[in-house]
C-alpha cells in the first residue's frame, strides 16, 4: 500500500474503521462513556484511537445489551490508529450468585405435564 497517495490511504483507513465499528456488537463501558471494540484478542482488545486516547482500570464489556464481562486494563498504547488495551483480568458476568455447596441432585429445568 506504499504506492497509494497519502490522502487515499487515510480515506481507506477511515473506511476500514467505520466498517469495523459497525460490524461489531462488542463495546466497552467506562465512566459513563461507551466505545465500540474494533477487535478482540487473547489478553485484550482494540479501540479506535480517535475516540479514546487513554483507558485504564475496571471497565465493563457488553455484547449488544448483554453484560458479558468485567475487565481490568493494566496498560494501553496507541498503535496504528488503534488504542491497544492489555487486560490483566477478565471475569465473566453471571446472572446469579455462585453456590457455596455441591448440589446432591440436578435441578429440573422444566416440567412437562403431558408426554
Protein backbone atom coordinates (compact mmCIF):
# COMPACT_ATOMS: atom_id res chain seq x y z
CA UNK A 1 0.00 0.00 0.00
CA UNK A 2 3.00 2.30 -0.01
CA UNK A 3 2.33 3.23 -3.63
CA UNK A 4 -1.01 4.91 -2.79
CA UNK A 5 -1.18 8.67 -2.19
CA UNK A 6 -1.39 9.75 1.45
CA UNK A 7 -4.96 11.12 1.25
CA UNK A 8 -6.23 7.92 -0.39
CA UNK A 9 -4.55 5.83 2.33
CA UNK A 10 -6.12 7.96 5.07
CA UNK A 11 -9.55 7.60 3.43
CA UNK A 12 -9.09 3.84 3.20
CA UNK A 13 -8.15 3.59 6.88
CA UNK A 14 -11.14 5.73 7.89
CA UNK A 15 -13.48 3.49 5.87
CA UNK A 16 -12.00 0.38 7.48
CA UNK A 17 -12.56 1.86 10.96
CA UNK A 18 -16.18 2.71 10.15
CA UNK A 19 -16.82 -0.78 8.78
CA UNK A 20 -15.19 -2.44 11.80
CA UNK A 21 -17.18 -0.38 14.31
CA UNK A 22 -20.48 -1.08 12.50
CA UNK A 23 -19.90 -4.83 12.22
CA UNK A 24 -19.15 -5.41 15.89
CA UNK A 25 -21.66 -5.59 18.70
CA UNK A 26 -18.95 -5.52 21.38
CA UNK A 27 -18.49 -2.29 23.29
CA UNK A 28 -16.64 -1.11 26.36
CA UNK A 29 -18.34 0.98 29.03
CA UNK A 30 -16.29 3.06 31.47
CA UNK A 31 -17.11 6.22 33.36
CA UNK A 32 -20.48 6.65 31.67
CA UNK A 33 -18.99 6.56 28.15
CA UNK A 34 -19.12 3.70 25.67
CA UNK A 35 -16.77 2.83 22.80
CA UNK A 36 -17.07 0.10 20.15
CA UNK A 37 -14.46 -2.66 20.23
CA UNK A 38 -12.70 -2.87 16.85
CA UNK A 39 -11.17 -6.27 17.52
CA UNK A 40 -10.62 -8.63 20.42
CA UNK A 41 -7.60 -10.85 21.00
CA UNK A 42 -6.21 -13.01 23.78
CA UNK A 43 -5.19 -10.68 26.58
CA UNK A 44 -7.06 -7.60 25.42
CA UNK A 45 -8.93 -5.66 22.77
CA UNK A 46 -8.51 -2.69 20.44
CA UNK A 47 -10.49 0.56 20.39
CA UNK A 48 -10.48 3.49 17.95
CA UNK A 49 -7.72 5.90 19.00
CA UNK A 50 -9.69 8.84 17.55
CA UNK A 51 -12.46 8.25 20.10
CA UNK A 52 -10.38 7.47 23.20
CA UNK A 53 -6.66 8.12 23.77
CA UNK A 54 -6.11 6.54 27.19
CA UNK A 55 -8.00 3.92 29.17
CA UNK A 56 -7.03 2.13 32.34
CA UNK A 57 -8.75 0.42 35.27
CA UNK A 58 -12.00 -1.54 35.53
CA UNK A 59 -14.32 -1.48 32.51
CA UNK A 60 -17.45 -3.39 31.55
CA UNK A 61 -17.63 -5.36 28.30
CA UNK A 62 -21.01 -5.65 26.56
CA UNK A 63 -22.23 -7.70 23.60
CA UNK A 64 -25.19 -5.64 22.44
CA UNK A 65 -27.26 -5.13 25.59
CA UNK A 66 -25.82 -8.18 27.40
CA UNK A 67 -23.17 -7.54 30.05
CA UNK A 68 -20.64 -10.32 29.42
CA UNK A 69 -17.53 -9.43 31.44
CA UNK A 70 -15.67 -7.00 33.66
CA UNK A 71 -12.07 -6.33 32.67
CA UNK A 72 -9.06 -4.80 34.40
CA UNK A 73 -7.00 -2.84 31.88
CA UNK A 74 -3.41 -2.50 33.10
CA UNK A 75 -1.83 -0.88 30.04
CA UNK A 76 -2.94 0.86 26.88
CA UNK A 77 -0.97 2.26 23.96
CA UNK A 78 -1.79 3.74 20.57
CA UNK A 79 -0.55 1.67 17.63
CA UNK A 80 -1.61 2.29 14.05
CA UNK A 81 -4.69 4.37 14.93
CA UNK A 82 -5.89 1.83 17.50
CA UNK A 83 -5.79 2.00 21.27
CA UNK A 84 -4.49 -1.43 22.26
CA UNK A 85 -5.75 -2.29 25.77
CA UNK A 86 -3.94 -5.07 27.62
CA UNK A 87 -6.18 -6.85 30.12
CA UNK A 88 -4.82 -8.41 33.30
CA UNK A 89 -8.11 -9.97 34.39
CA UNK A 90 -11.40 -10.68 32.63
CA UNK A 91 -14.25 -12.04 34.72
CA UNK A 92 -17.41 -13.38 33.13
CA UNK A 93 -20.65 -11.97 34.49
CA UNK A 94 -23.16 -14.48 35.92
CA UNK A 95 -26.89 -13.97 36.24
CA UNK A 96 -26.97 -15.46 39.74
CA UNK A 97 -24.67 -15.81 42.74
CA UNK A 98 -22.30 -18.78 42.82
CA UNK A 99 -23.24 -21.72 45.04
CA UNK A 100 -21.09 -22.45 48.08
CA UNK A 101 -22.07 -26.13 48.15
CA UNK A 102 -22.33 -29.09 45.78
CA UNK A 103 -25.86 -29.98 44.73
CA UNK A 104 -26.93 -33.57 45.55
CA UNK A 105 -29.34 -33.82 42.64
CA UNK A 106 -29.57 -31.80 39.45
CA UNK A 107 -32.27 -29.17 39.35
CA UNK A 108 -35.18 -29.62 37.00
CA UNK A 109 -35.04 -27.24 34.06
CA UNK A 110 -38.74 -27.60 33.30
CA UNK A 111 -41.79 -29.71 33.94
CA UNK A 112 -43.81 -31.41 31.22
CA UNK A 113 -47.41 -32.08 32.17
CA UNK A 114 -48.07 -34.49 29.27
CA UNK A 115 -45.68 -36.68 27.37
